[in-house]
PDB file of all heavy atoms in Angstrom:
ATOM      1  N   THR A   1      -7.702  -9.995  -1.693  1.00  0.00           N
ATOM      2  CA  THR A   1      -8.138  -9.868  -3.108  1.00  0.00           C
ATOM      3  C   THR A   1      -9.072 -10.919  -3.487  1.00  0.00           C
ATOM      4  O   THR A   1      -9.269 -11.096  -4.767  1.00  0.00           O
ATOM      5  CB  THR A   1      -6.862  -9.831  -3.960  1.00  0.00           C
ATOM      6  OG1 THR A   1      -6.139 -11.061  -3.797  1.00  0.00           O
ATOM      7  CG2 THR A   1      -5.936  -8.706  -3.612  1.00  0.00           C
ATOM      8  N   ASP A   2      -9.607 -11.620  -2.602  1.00  0.00           N
ATOM      9  CA  ASP A   2     -10.538 -12.722  -3.010  1.00  0.00           C
ATOM     10  C   ASP A   2     -12.009 -12.408  -2.908  1.00  0.00           C
ATOM     11  O   ASP A   2     -12.870 -13.298  -3.027  1.00  0.00           O
ATOM     12  CB  ASP A   2     -10.240 -14.007  -2.186  1.00  0.00           C
ATOM     13  CG  ASP A   2     -10.454 -13.748  -0.677  1.00  0.00           C
ATOM     14  OD1 ASP A   2     -10.387 -12.542  -0.221  1.00  0.00           O
ATOM     15  OD2 ASP A   2     -10.710 -14.712   0.125  1.00  0.00           O
ATOM     16  N   LEU A   3     -12.394 -11.151  -2.744  1.00  0.00           N
ATOM     17  CA  LEU A   3     -13.756 -10.666  -2.715  1.00  0.00           C
ATOM     18  C   LEU A   3     -14.077  -9.925  -4.044  1.00  0.00           C
ATOM     19  O   LEU A   3     -13.222  -9.763  -4.932  1.00  0.00           O
ATOM     20  CB  LEU A   3     -13.971  -9.677  -1.561  1.00  0.00           C
ATOM     21  CG  LEU A   3     -13.584 -10.275  -0.174  1.00  0.00           C
ATOM     22  CD1 LEU A   3     -13.632  -9.257   0.922  1.00  0.00           C
ATOM     23  CD2 LEU A   3     -14.535 -11.436   0.163  1.00  0.00           C
ATOM     24  N   TYR A   4     -15.346  -9.581  -4.167  1.00  0.00           N
ATOM     25  CA  TYR A   4     -15.818  -9.002  -5.490  1.00  0.00           C
ATOM     26  C   TYR A   4     -14.877  -7.791  -5.856  1.00  0.00           C
ATOM     27  O   TYR A   4     -14.673  -6.873  -5.033  1.00  0.00           O
ATOM     28  CB  TYR A   4     -17.222  -8.416  -5.331  1.00  0.00           C
ATOM     29  CG  TYR A   4     -17.682  -7.692  -6.535  1.00  0.00           C
ATOM     30  CD1 TYR A   4     -17.995  -8.306  -7.719  1.00  0.00           C
ATOM     31  CD2 TYR A   4     -17.709  -6.272  -6.554  1.00  0.00           C
ATOM     32  CE1 TYR A   4     -18.429  -7.631  -8.835  1.00  0.00           C
ATOM     33  CE2 TYR A   4     -18.022  -5.537  -7.652  1.00  0.00           C
ATOM     34  CZ  TYR A   4     -18.365  -6.251  -8.810  1.00  0.00           C
ATOM     35  OH  TYR A   4     -18.727  -5.558  -9.973  1.00  0.00           O
ATOM     36  N   GLY A   5     -14.432  -7.843  -7.102  1.00  0.00           N
ATOM     37  CA  GLY A   5     -13.530  -6.772  -7.596  1.00  0.00           C
ATOM     38  C   GLY A   5     -12.144  -6.764  -7.283  1.00  0.00           C
ATOM     39  O   GLY A   5     -11.300  -6.027  -7.708  1.00  0.00           O
ATOM     40  N   GLY A   6     -11.752  -7.845  -6.494  1.00  0.00           N
ATOM     41  CA  GLY A   6     -10.332  -7.961  -6.078  1.00  0.00           C
ATOM     42  C   GLY A   6      -9.505  -8.636  -7.130  1.00  0.00           C
ATOM     43  O   GLY A   6      -9.937  -9.551  -7.845  1.00  0.00           O
ATOM     44  N   ASP A   7      -8.266  -8.245  -7.158  1.00  0.00           N
ATOM     45  CA  ASP A   7      -7.313  -8.865  -8.141  1.00  0.00           C
ATOM     46  C   ASP A   7      -5.850  -8.683  -7.576  1.00  0.00           C
ATOM     47  O   ASP A   7      -5.448  -7.479  -7.435  1.00  0.00           O
ATOM     48  CB  ASP A   7      -7.410  -8.350  -9.481  1.00  0.00           C
ATOM     49  CG  ASP A   7      -6.562  -8.981 -10.512  1.00  0.00           C
ATOM     50  OD1 ASP A   7      -6.874 -10.094 -10.943  1.00  0.00           O
ATOM     51  OD2 ASP A   7      -5.511  -8.382 -10.877  1.00  0.00           O
ATOM     52  N   TYR A   8      -5.152  -9.764  -7.362  1.00  0.00           N
ATOM     53  CA  TYR A   8      -3.865  -9.666  -6.754  1.00  0.00           C
ATOM     54  C   TYR A   8      -2.832  -8.947  -7.669  1.00  0.00           C
ATOM     55  O   TYR A   8      -2.083  -8.099  -7.190  1.00  0.00           O
ATOM     56  CB  TYR A   8      -3.320 -11.040  -6.334  1.00  0.00           C
ATOM     57  CG  TYR A   8      -2.147 -11.047  -5.610  1.00  0.00           C
ATOM     58  CD1 TYR A   8      -2.015 -10.563  -4.328  1.00  0.00           C
ATOM     59  CD2 TYR A   8      -0.822 -11.482  -6.182  1.00  0.00           C
ATOM     60  CE1 TYR A   8      -0.808 -10.515  -3.600  1.00  0.00           C
ATOM     61  CE2 TYR A   8       0.353 -11.516  -5.450  1.00  0.00           C
ATOM     62  CZ  TYR A   8       0.311 -10.961  -4.160  1.00  0.00           C
ATOM     63  OH  TYR A   8       1.499 -10.947  -3.420  1.00  0.00           O
ATOM     64  N   THR A   9      -2.834  -9.255  -8.893  1.00  0.00           N
ATOM     65  CA  THR A   9      -1.896  -8.628  -9.817  1.00  0.00           C
ATOM     66  C   THR A   9      -2.098  -7.097  -9.834  1.00  0.00           C
ATOM     67  O   THR A   9      -1.159  -6.335  -9.859  1.00  0.00           O
ATOM     68  CB  THR A   9      -2.010  -9.204 -11.249  1.00  0.00           C
ATOM     69  OG1 THR A   9      -1.754 -10.606 -11.224  1.00  0.00           O
ATOM     70  CG2 THR A   9      -1.064  -8.494 -12.222  1.00  0.00           C
ATOM     71  N   THR A  10      -3.420  -6.737  -9.899  1.00  0.00           N
ATOM     72  CA  THR A  10      -3.738  -5.270  -9.870  1.00  0.00           C
ATOM     73  C   THR A  10      -3.244  -4.704  -8.574  1.00  0.00           C
ATOM     74  O   THR A  10      -2.805  -3.543  -8.510  1.00  0.00           O
ATOM     75  CB  THR A  10      -5.217  -5.105 -10.059  1.00  0.00           C
ATOM     76  OG1 THR A  10      -5.639  -5.717 -11.273  1.00  0.00           O
ATOM     77  CG2 THR A  10      -5.687  -3.602 -10.045  1.00  0.00           C
ATOM     78  N   LEU A  11      -3.513  -5.341  -7.538  1.00  0.00           N
ATOM     79  CA  LEU A  11      -3.054  -4.876  -6.184  1.00  0.00           C
ATOM     80  C   LEU A  11      -1.529  -4.700  -6.176  1.00  0.00           C
ATOM     81  O   LEU A  11      -1.054  -3.641  -5.666  1.00  0.00           O
ATOM     82  CB  LEU A  11      -3.410  -5.813  -5.114  1.00  0.00           C
ATOM     83  CG  LEU A  11      -3.004  -5.391  -3.610  1.00  0.00           C
ATOM     84  CD1 LEU A  11      -3.798  -4.124  -3.219  1.00  0.00           C
ATOM     85  CD2 LEU A  11      -3.247  -6.472  -2.610  1.00  0.00           C
ATOM     86  N   LEU A  12      -0.736  -5.506  -6.743  1.00  0.00           N
ATOM     87  CA  LEU A  12       0.709  -5.363  -6.788  1.00  0.00           C
ATOM     88  C   LEU A  12       1.098  -4.086  -7.599  1.00  0.00           C
ATOM     89  O   LEU A  12       2.032  -3.315  -7.154  1.00  0.00           O
ATOM     90  CB  LEU A  12       1.352  -6.598  -7.387  1.00  0.00           C
ATOM     91  CG  LEU A  12       1.408  -7.855  -6.559  1.00  0.00           C
ATOM     92  CD1 LEU A  12       2.051  -8.999  -7.360  1.00  0.00           C
ATOM     93  CD2 LEU A  12       2.133  -7.612  -5.214  1.00  0.00           C
ATOM     94  N   ARG A  13       0.366  -3.798  -8.675  1.00  0.00           N
ATOM     95  CA  ARG A  13       0.631  -2.595  -9.377  1.00  0.00           C
ATOM     96  C   ARG A  13       0.384  -1.397  -8.489  1.00  0.00           C
ATOM     97  O   ARG A  13       1.083  -0.360  -8.593  1.00  0.00           O
ATOM     98  CB  ARG A  13      -0.175  -2.551 -10.671  1.00  0.00           C
ATOM     99  CG  ARG A  13       0.291  -3.534 -11.788  1.00  0.00           C
ATOM    100  CD  ARG A  13      -0.287  -3.098 -13.150  1.00  0.00           C
ATOM    101  NE  ARG A  13      -1.721  -3.344 -13.157  1.00  0.00           N
ATOM    102  CZ  ARG A  13      -2.323  -4.461 -13.568  1.00  0.00           C
ATOM    103  NH1 ARG A  13      -1.615  -5.485 -13.975  1.00  0.00           N
ATOM    104  NH2 ARG A  13      -3.610  -4.558 -13.582  1.00  0.00           N
ATOM    105  N   SER A  14      -0.755  -1.442  -7.769  1.00  0.00           N
ATOM    106  CA  SER A  14      -1.092  -0.267  -6.901  1.00  0.00           C
ATOM    107  C   SER A  14      -0.022  -0.071  -5.744  1.00  0.00           C
ATOM    108  O   SER A  14       0.351   1.033  -5.406  1.00  0.00           O
ATOM    109  CB  SER A  14      -2.424  -0.476  -6.245  1.00  0.00           C
ATOM    110  OG  SER A  14      -3.407  -0.408  -7.250  1.00  0.00           O
ATOM    111  N   LEU A  15       0.454  -1.230  -5.234  1.00  0.00           N
ATOM    112  CA  LEU A  15       1.557  -1.178  -4.224  1.00  0.00           C
ATOM    113  C   LEU A  15       2.772  -0.536  -4.790  1.00  0.00           C
ATOM    114  O   LEU A  15       3.443   0.264  -4.141  1.00  0.00           O
ATOM    115  CB  LEU A  15       1.720  -2.494  -3.573  1.00  0.00           C
ATOM    116  CG  LEU A  15       0.747  -3.192  -2.813  1.00  0.00           C
ATOM    117  CD1 LEU A  15       1.043  -4.596  -2.462  1.00  0.00           C
ATOM    118  CD2 LEU A  15       0.365  -2.347  -1.517  1.00  0.00           C
ATOM    119  N   ARG A  16       3.167  -0.871  -5.984  1.00  0.00           N
ATOM    120  CA  ARG A  16       4.317  -0.318  -6.688  1.00  0.00           C
ATOM    121  C   ARG A  16       4.115   1.181  -6.802  1.00  0.00           C
ATOM    122  O   ARG A  16       5.025   2.063  -6.624  1.00  0.00           O
ATOM    123  CB  ARG A  16       4.589  -0.999  -7.949  1.00  0.00           C
ATOM    124  CG  ARG A  16       5.804  -0.504  -8.686  1.00  0.00           C
ATOM    125  CD  ARG A  16       6.263  -1.362  -9.831  1.00  0.00           C
ATOM    126  NE  ARG A  16       5.259  -1.444 -10.928  1.00  0.00           N
ATOM    127  CZ  ARG A  16       4.531  -2.417 -11.229  1.00  0.00           C
ATOM    128  NH1 ARG A  16       4.587  -3.586 -10.586  1.00  0.00           N
ATOM    129  NH2 ARG A  16       3.664  -2.344 -12.226  1.00  0.00           N
ATOM    130  N   LYS A  17       2.895   1.514  -7.215  1.00  0.00           N
ATOM    131  CA  LYS A  17       2.561   2.915  -7.387  1.00  0.00           C
ATOM    132  C   LYS A  17       2.787   3.742  -6.110  1.00  0.00           C
ATOM    133  O   LYS A  17       3.345   4.863  -6.078  1.00  0.00           O
ATOM    134  CB  LYS A  17       1.150   3.133  -7.911  1.00  0.00           C
ATOM    135  CG  LYS A  17       0.673   4.429  -8.278  1.00  0.00           C
ATOM    136  CD  LYS A  17      -0.775   4.401  -8.815  1.00  0.00           C
ATOM    137  CE  LYS A  17      -1.327   5.769  -9.255  1.00  0.00           C
ATOM    138  NZ  LYS A  17      -2.656   5.553  -9.899  1.00  0.00           N
ATOM    139  N   LEU A  18       2.291   3.209  -5.002  1.00  0.00           N
ATOM    140  CA  LEU A  18       2.405   3.874  -3.773  1.00  0.00           C
ATOM    141  C   LEU A  18       3.885   3.905  -3.267  1.00  0.00           C
ATOM    142  O   LEU A  18       4.326   4.973  -2.834  1.00  0.00           O
ATOM    143  CB  LEU A  18       1.670   3.146  -2.646  1.00  0.00           C
ATOM    144  CG  LEU A  18      -0.014   3.213  -2.733  1.00  0.00           C
ATOM    145  CD1 LEU A  18      -0.584   2.500  -1.584  1.00  0.00           C
ATOM    146  CD2 LEU A  18      -0.421   4.618  -2.756  1.00  0.00           C
ATOM    147  N   ALA A  19       4.564   2.864  -3.557  1.00  0.00           N
ATOM    148  CA  ALA A  19       6.011   2.773  -3.123  1.00  0.00           C
ATOM    149  C   ALA A  19       6.826   3.831  -3.851  1.00  0.00           C
ATOM    150  O   ALA A  19       7.866   4.297  -3.342  1.00  0.00           O
ATOM    151  CB  ALA A  19       6.562   1.392  -3.261  1.00  0.00           C
ATOM    152  N   GLU A  20       6.395   4.140  -5.099  1.00  0.00           N
ATOM    153  CA  GLU A  20       7.207   5.070  -5.846  1.00  0.00           C
ATOM    154  C   GLU A  20       6.812   6.541  -5.689  1.00  0.00           C
ATOM    155  O   GLU A  20       7.386   7.353  -6.304  1.00  0.00           O
ATOM    156  CB  GLU A  20       7.077   4.623  -7.443  1.00  0.00           C
ATOM    157  CG  GLU A  20       7.695   3.376  -7.705  1.00  0.00           C
ATOM    158  CD  GLU A  20       7.455   2.802  -9.163  1.00  0.00           C
ATOM    159  OE1 GLU A  20       6.596   3.399  -9.802  1.00  0.00           O
ATOM    160  OE2 GLU A  20       8.220   1.868  -9.464  1.00  0.00           O
ATOM    161  N   VAL A  21       5.854   6.818  -4.860  1.00  0.00           N
ATOM    162  CA  VAL A  21       5.551   8.160  -4.446  1.00  0.00           C
ATOM    163  C   VAL A  21       6.752   8.744  -3.740  1.00  0.00           C
ATOM    164  O   VAL A  21       7.335   8.095  -2.907  1.00  0.00           O
ATOM    165  CB  VAL A  21       4.279   8.262  -3.557  1.00  0.00           C
ATOM    166  CG1 VAL A  21       4.106   9.688  -3.100  1.00  0.00           C
ATOM    167  CG2 VAL A  21       3.060   7.767  -4.310  1.00  0.00           C
ATOM    168  N   GLU A  22       7.203   9.858  -4.199  1.00  0.00           N
ATOM    169  CA  GLU A  22       8.492  10.419  -3.633  1.00  0.00           C
ATOM    170  C   GLU A  22       8.256  10.835  -2.149  1.00  0.00           C
ATOM    171  O   GLU A  22       7.148  11.294  -1.743  1.00  0.00           O
ATOM    172  CB  GLU A  22       8.783  11.765  -4.430  1.00  0.00           C
ATOM    173  CG  GLU A  22       9.305  11.471  -5.857  1.00  0.00           C
ATOM    174  CD  GLU A  22       9.896  12.662  -6.553  1.00  0.00           C
ATOM    175  OE1 GLU A  22      10.007  13.657  -5.840  1.00  0.00           O
ATOM    176  OE2 GLU A  22      10.177  12.560  -7.785  1.00  0.00           O
ATOM    177  N   GLY A  23       9.307  10.675  -1.402  1.00  0.00           N
ATOM    178  CA  GLY A  23       9.257  11.078  -0.045  1.00  0.00           C
ATOM    179  C   GLY A  23       8.708  10.000   0.947  1.00  0.00           C
ATOM    180  O   GLY A  23       8.422   8.960   0.501  1.00  0.00           O
ATOM    181  N   ASP A  24       8.533  10.440   2.123  1.00  0.00           N
ATOM    182  CA  ASP A  24       7.911   9.576   3.153  1.00  0.00           C
ATOM    183  C   ASP A  24       6.588  10.102   3.581  1.00  0.00           C
ATOM    184  O   ASP A  24       6.348  11.293   3.447  1.00  0.00           O
ATOM    185  CB  ASP A  24       8.846   9.415   4.359  1.00  0.00           C
ATOM    186  CG  ASP A  24       8.502   8.194   5.260  1.00  0.00           C
ATOM    187  OD1 ASP A  24       7.755   7.425   4.786  1.00  0.00           O
ATOM    188  OD2 ASP A  24       9.082   8.084   6.375  1.00  0.00           O
ATOM    189  N   TYR A  25       5.686   9.196   3.995  1.00  0.00           N
ATOM    190  CA  TYR A  25       4.377   9.585   4.401  1.00  0.00           C
ATOM    191  C   TYR A  25       4.046   8.800   5.667  1.00  0.00           C
ATOM    192  O   TYR A  25       4.475   7.613   5.831  1.00  0.00           O
ATOM    193  CB  TYR A  25       3.314   9.260   3.357  1.00  0.00           C
ATOM    194  CG  TYR A  25       3.344  10.222   2.176  1.00  0.00           C
ATOM    195  CD1 TYR A  25       4.292  10.171   1.197  1.00  0.00           C
ATOM    196  CD2 TYR A  25       2.332  11.277   2.160  1.00  0.00           C
ATOM    197  CE1 TYR A  25       4.295  11.098   0.047  1.00  0.00           C
ATOM    198  CE2 TYR A  25       2.364  12.211   1.092  1.00  0.00           C
ATOM    199  CZ  TYR A  25       3.312  12.089   0.063  1.00  0.00           C
ATOM    200  OH  TYR A  25       3.341  12.983  -1.007  1.00  0.00           O
ATOM    201  N   ARG A  26       3.205   9.347   6.502  1.00  0.00           N
ATOM    202  CA  ARG A  26       2.552   8.642   7.574  1.00  0.00           C
ATOM    203  C   ARG A  26       1.376   7.898   6.860  1.00  0.00           C
ATOM    204  O   ARG A  26       0.549   8.509   6.331  1.00  0.00           O
ATOM    205  CB  ARG A  26       2.041   9.519   8.627  1.00  0.00           C
ATOM    206  CG  ARG A  26       1.126   8.915   9.680  1.00  0.00           C
ATOM    207  CD  ARG A  26       1.698   7.794  10.435  1.00  0.00           C
ATOM    208  NE  ARG A  26       2.894   8.169  11.270  1.00  0.00           N
ATOM    209  CZ  ARG A  26       3.522   7.309  12.046  1.00  0.00           C
ATOM    210  NH1 ARG A  26       3.106   6.035  12.191  1.00  0.00           N
ATOM    211  NH2 ARG A  26       4.636   7.735  12.672  1.00  0.00           N
ATOM    212  N   VAL A  27       1.313   6.616   7.002  1.00  0.00           N
ATOM    213  CA  VAL A  27       0.331   5.834   6.331  1.00  0.00           C
ATOM    214  C   VAL A  27      -0.765   5.490   7.315  1.00  0.00           C
ATOM    215  O   VAL A  27      -0.548   4.895   8.313  1.00  0.00           O
ATOM    216  CB  VAL A  27       0.899   4.483   5.719  1.00  0.00           C
ATOM    217  CG1 VAL A  27      -0.220   3.684   5.059  1.00  0.00           C
ATOM    218  CG2 VAL A  27       1.948   4.781   4.675  1.00  0.00           C
ATOM    219  N   TYR A  28      -1.979   5.915   6.966  1.00  0.00           N
ATOM    220  CA  TYR A  28      -3.173   5.618   7.849  1.00  0.00           C
ATOM    221  C   TYR A  28      -4.004   4.535   7.112  1.00  0.00           C
ATOM    222  O   TYR A  28      -4.720   4.902   6.138  1.00  0.00           O
ATOM    223  CB  TYR A  28      -3.909   6.907   8.013  1.00  0.00           C
ATOM    224  CG  TYR A  28      -3.220   7.925   8.776  1.00  0.00           C
ATOM    225  CD1 TYR A  28      -2.576   9.060   8.241  1.00  0.00           C
ATOM    226  CD2 TYR A  28      -3.220   7.908  10.283  1.00  0.00           C
ATOM    227  CE1 TYR A  28      -1.986  10.007   8.973  1.00  0.00           C
ATOM    228  CE2 TYR A  28      -2.566   8.832  11.036  1.00  0.00           C
ATOM    229  CZ  TYR A  28      -1.896   9.912  10.322  1.00  0.00           C
ATOM    230  OH  TYR A  28      -1.229  10.849  11.110  1.00  0.00           O
ATOM    231  N   PRO A  29      -3.956   3.345   7.608  1.00  0.00           N
ATOM    232  CA  PRO A  29      -4.638   2.278   6.852  1.00  0.00           C
ATOM    233  C   PRO A  29      -6.109   2.115   7.273  1.00  0.00           C
ATOM    234  O   PRO A  29      -6.580   2.789   8.273  1.00  0.00           O
ATOM    235  CB  PRO A  29      -3.823   1.049   7.270  1.00  0.00           C
ATOM    236  CG  PRO A  29      -3.395   1.303   8.714  1.00  0.00           C
ATOM    237  CD  PRO A  29      -3.146   2.887   8.671  1.00  0.00           C
ATOM    238  N   GLY A  30      -6.818   1.307   6.542  1.00  0.00           N
ATOM    239  CA  GLY A  30      -8.281   1.047   6.889  1.00  0.00           C
ATOM    240  C   GLY A  30      -8.457   0.301   8.131  1.00  0.00           C
ATOM    241  O   GLY A  30      -9.626   0.310   8.785  1.00  0.00           O
ATOM    242  N   HIS A  31      -7.506  -0.483   8.615  1.00  0.00           N
ATOM    243  CA  HIS A  31      -7.585  -1.244   9.825  1.00  0.00           C
ATOM    244  C   HIS A  31      -6.165  -1.294  10.479  1.00  0.00           C
ATOM    245  O   HIS A  31      -5.146  -1.336   9.744  1.00  0.00           O
ATOM    246  CB  HIS A  31      -8.083  -2.651   9.607  1.00  0.00           C
ATOM    247  CG  HIS A  31      -9.388  -2.792   8.850  1.00  0.00           C
ATOM    248  ND1 HIS A  31     -10.610  -2.808   9.496  1.00  0.00           N
ATOM    249  CD2 HIS A  31      -9.683  -2.739   7.538  1.00  0.00           C
ATOM    250  CE1 HIS A  31     -11.547  -2.905   8.591  1.00  0.00           C
ATOM    251  NE2 HIS A  31     -11.009  -2.799   7.398  1.00  0.00           N
ATOM    252  N   GLY A  32      -6.083  -1.359  11.730  1.00  0.00           N
ATOM    253  CA  GLY A  32      -4.842  -1.575  12.429  1.00  0.00           C
ATOM    254  C   GLY A  32      -4.038  -0.341  12.631  1.00  0.00           C
ATOM    255  O   GLY A  32      -4.507   0.803  12.434  1.00  0.00           O
ATOM    256  N   ASP A  33      -2.787  -0.552  13.022  1.00  0.00           N
ATOM    257  CA  ASP A  33      -1.852   0.547  13.383  1.00  0.00           C
ATOM    258  C   ASP A  33      -1.381   1.332  12.149  1.00  0.00           C
ATOM    259  O   ASP A  33      -1.247   0.784  11.071  1.00  0.00           O
ATOM    260  CB  ASP A  33      -0.709  -0.023  14.128  1.00  0.00           C
ATOM    261  CG  ASP A  33      -1.080  -0.629  15.490  1.00  0.00           C
ATOM    262  OD1 ASP A  33      -2.088  -0.180  15.993  1.00  0.00           O
ATOM    263  OD2 ASP A  33      -0.326  -1.494  15.948  1.00  0.00           O
ATOM    264  N   SER A  34      -1.134   2.610  12.412  1.00  0.00           N
ATOM    265  CA  SER A  34      -0.484   3.434  11.323  1.00  0.00           C
ATOM    266  C   SER A  34       0.953   3.028  11.221  1.00  0.00           C
ATOM    267  O   SER A  34       1.527   2.309  12.108  1.00  0.00           O
ATOM    268  CB  SER A  34      -0.582   4.915  11.861  1.00  0.00           C
ATOM    269  OG  SER A  34      -1.845   5.396  11.967  1.00  0.00           O
ATOM    270  N   THR A  35       1.522   3.387  10.079  1.00  0.00           N
ATOM    271  CA  THR A  35       2.890   3.043   9.711  1.00  0.00           C
ATOM    272  C   THR A  35       3.457   4.130   8.980  1.00  0.00           C
ATOM    273  O   THR A  35       2.975   5.263   8.842  1.00  0.00           O
ATOM    274  CB  THR A  35       2.942   1.685   9.024  1.00  0.00           C
ATOM    275  OG1 THR A  35       4.306   1.332   8.740  1.00  0.00           O
ATOM    276  CG2 THR A  35       2.206   1.720   7.718  1.00  0.00           C
ATOM    277  N   THR A  36       4.666   3.925   8.295  1.00  0.00           N
ATOM    278  CA  THR A  36       5.240   4.945   7.360  1.00  0.00           C
ATOM    279  C   THR A  36       5.440   4.313   6.056  1.00  0.00           C
ATOM    280  O   THR A  36       5.720   3.057   6.020  1.00  0.00           O
ATOM    281  CB  THR A  36       6.453   5.606   7.983  1.00  0.00           C
ATOM    282  OG1 THR A  36       7.534   4.587   7.939  1.00  0.00           O
ATOM    283  CG2 THR A  36       6.274   6.148   9.296  1.00  0.00           C
ATOM    284  N   LEU A  37       5.467   5.075   4.995  1.00  0.00           N
ATOM    285  CA  LEU A  37       5.733   4.552   3.735  1.00  0.00           C
ATOM    286  C   LEU A  37       7.146   4.059   3.599  1.00  0.00           C
ATOM    287  O   LEU A  37       7.382   2.913   3.017  1.00  0.00           O
ATOM    288  CB  LEU A  37       5.502   5.587   2.623  1.00  0.00           C
ATOM    289  CG  LEU A  37       5.612   5.121   1.181  1.00  0.00           C
ATOM    290  CD1 LEU A  37       4.560   4.024   0.893  1.00  0.00           C
ATOM    291  CD2 LEU A  37       5.339   6.325   0.267  1.00  0.00           C
ATOM    292  N   GLN A  38       8.107   4.645   4.271  1.00  0.00           N
ATOM    293  CA  GLN A  38       9.455   4.187   4.154  1.00  0.00           C
ATOM    294  C   GLN A  38       9.645   2.871   4.845  1.00  0.00           C
ATOM    295  O   GLN A  38      10.341   1.973   4.383  1.00  0.00           O
ATOM    296  CB  GLN A  38      10.435   5.272   4.791  1.00  0.00           C
ATOM    297  CG  GLN A  38      11.873   4.884   4.589  1.00  0.00           C
ATOM    298  CD  GLN A  38      12.393   4.711   3.150  1.00  0.00           C
ATOM    299  OE1 GLN A  38      11.718   5.164   2.214  1.00  0.00           O
ATOM    300  NE2 GLN A  38      13.423   3.936   2.990  1.00  0.00           N
ATOM    301  N   PHE A  39       8.976   2.698   6.060  1.00  0.00           N
ATOM    302  CA  PHE A  39       9.032   1.386   6.748  1.00  0.00           C
ATOM    303  C   PHE A  39       8.508   0.233   5.841  1.00  0.00           C
ATOM    304  O   PHE A  39       9.014  -0.797   5.813  1.00  0.00           O
ATOM    305  CB  PHE A  39       8.260   1.483   8.052  1.00  0.00           C
ATOM    306  CG  PHE A  39       8.261   0.129   8.779  1.00  0.00           C
ATOM    307  CD1 PHE A  39       9.243  -0.100   9.673  1.00  0.00           C
ATOM    308  CD2 PHE A  39       7.213  -0.719   8.661  1.00  0.00           C
ATOM    309  CE1 PHE A  39       9.265  -1.289  10.412  1.00  0.00           C
ATOM    310  CE2 PHE A  39       7.205  -1.923   9.328  1.00  0.00           C
ATOM    311  CZ  PHE A  39       8.237  -2.262  10.224  1.00  0.00           C
ATOM    312  N   GLU A  40       7.359   0.519   5.198  1.00  0.00           N
ATOM    313  CA  GLU A  40       6.727  -0.446   4.297  1.00  0.00           C
ATOM    314  C   GLU A  40       7.626  -0.786   3.087  1.00  0.00           C
ATOM    315  O   GLU A  40       7.690  -1.906   2.645  1.00  0.00           O
ATOM    316  CB  GLU A  40       5.351  -0.043   3.934  1.00  0.00           C
ATOM    317  CG  GLU A  40       4.338   0.106   5.113  1.00  0.00           C
ATOM    318  CD  GLU A  40       4.285  -1.027   6.007  1.00  0.00           C
ATOM    319  OE1 GLU A  40       4.280  -2.176   5.556  1.00  0.00           O
ATOM    320  OE2 GLU A  40       4.300  -0.873   7.260  1.00  0.00           O
ATOM    321  N   ARG A  41       8.239   0.178   2.612  1.00  0.00           N
ATOM    322  CA  ARG A  41       9.145  -0.024   1.457  1.00  0.00           C
ATOM    323  C   ARG A  41      10.242  -1.001   1.849  1.00  0.00           C
ATOM    324  O   ARG A  41      10.663  -1.929   1.096  1.00  0.00           O
ATOM    325  CB  ARG A  41       9.822   1.307   0.958  1.00  0.00           C
ATOM    326  CG  ARG A  41       8.914   2.319   0.264  1.00  0.00           C
ATOM    327  CD  ARG A  41       9.743   3.389  -0.263  1.00  0.00           C
ATOM    328  NE  ARG A  41       9.053   4.450  -0.925  1.00  0.00           N
ATOM    329  CZ  ARG A  41       8.991   5.698  -0.350  1.00  0.00           C
ATOM    330  NH1 ARG A  41       9.593   5.944   0.808  1.00  0.00           N
ATOM    331  NH2 ARG A  41       8.245   6.653  -0.922  1.00  0.00           N
ATOM    332  N   GLN A  42      10.724  -0.867   3.071  1.00  0.00           N
ATOM    333  CA  GLN A  42      11.833  -1.655   3.522  1.00  0.00           C
ATOM    334  C   GLN A  42      11.507  -3.002   4.084  1.00  0.00           C
ATOM    335  O   GLN A  42      12.222  -4.006   4.127  1.00  0.00           O
ATOM    336  CB  GLN A  42      12.599  -0.893   4.568  1.00  0.00           C
ATOM    337  CG  GLN A  42      13.243   0.398   4.027  1.00  0.00           C
ATOM    338  CD  GLN A  42      13.909   1.260   5.113  1.00  0.00           C
ATOM    339  OE1 GLN A  42      13.677   1.029   6.358  1.00  0.00           O
ATOM    340  NE2 GLN A  42      14.700   2.160   4.726  1.00  0.00           N
TER     341      GLN A  42
END
């Protein structure tokens, strides 16, 4: 969050928003291995 337009507090709100999406999802990130939403919640 240290580049142009980044903000850590805003990112935390977005993470909370994703975590509160109902159900589980296969998460495909911009870099690295895929994961699942439930794994990341935990």
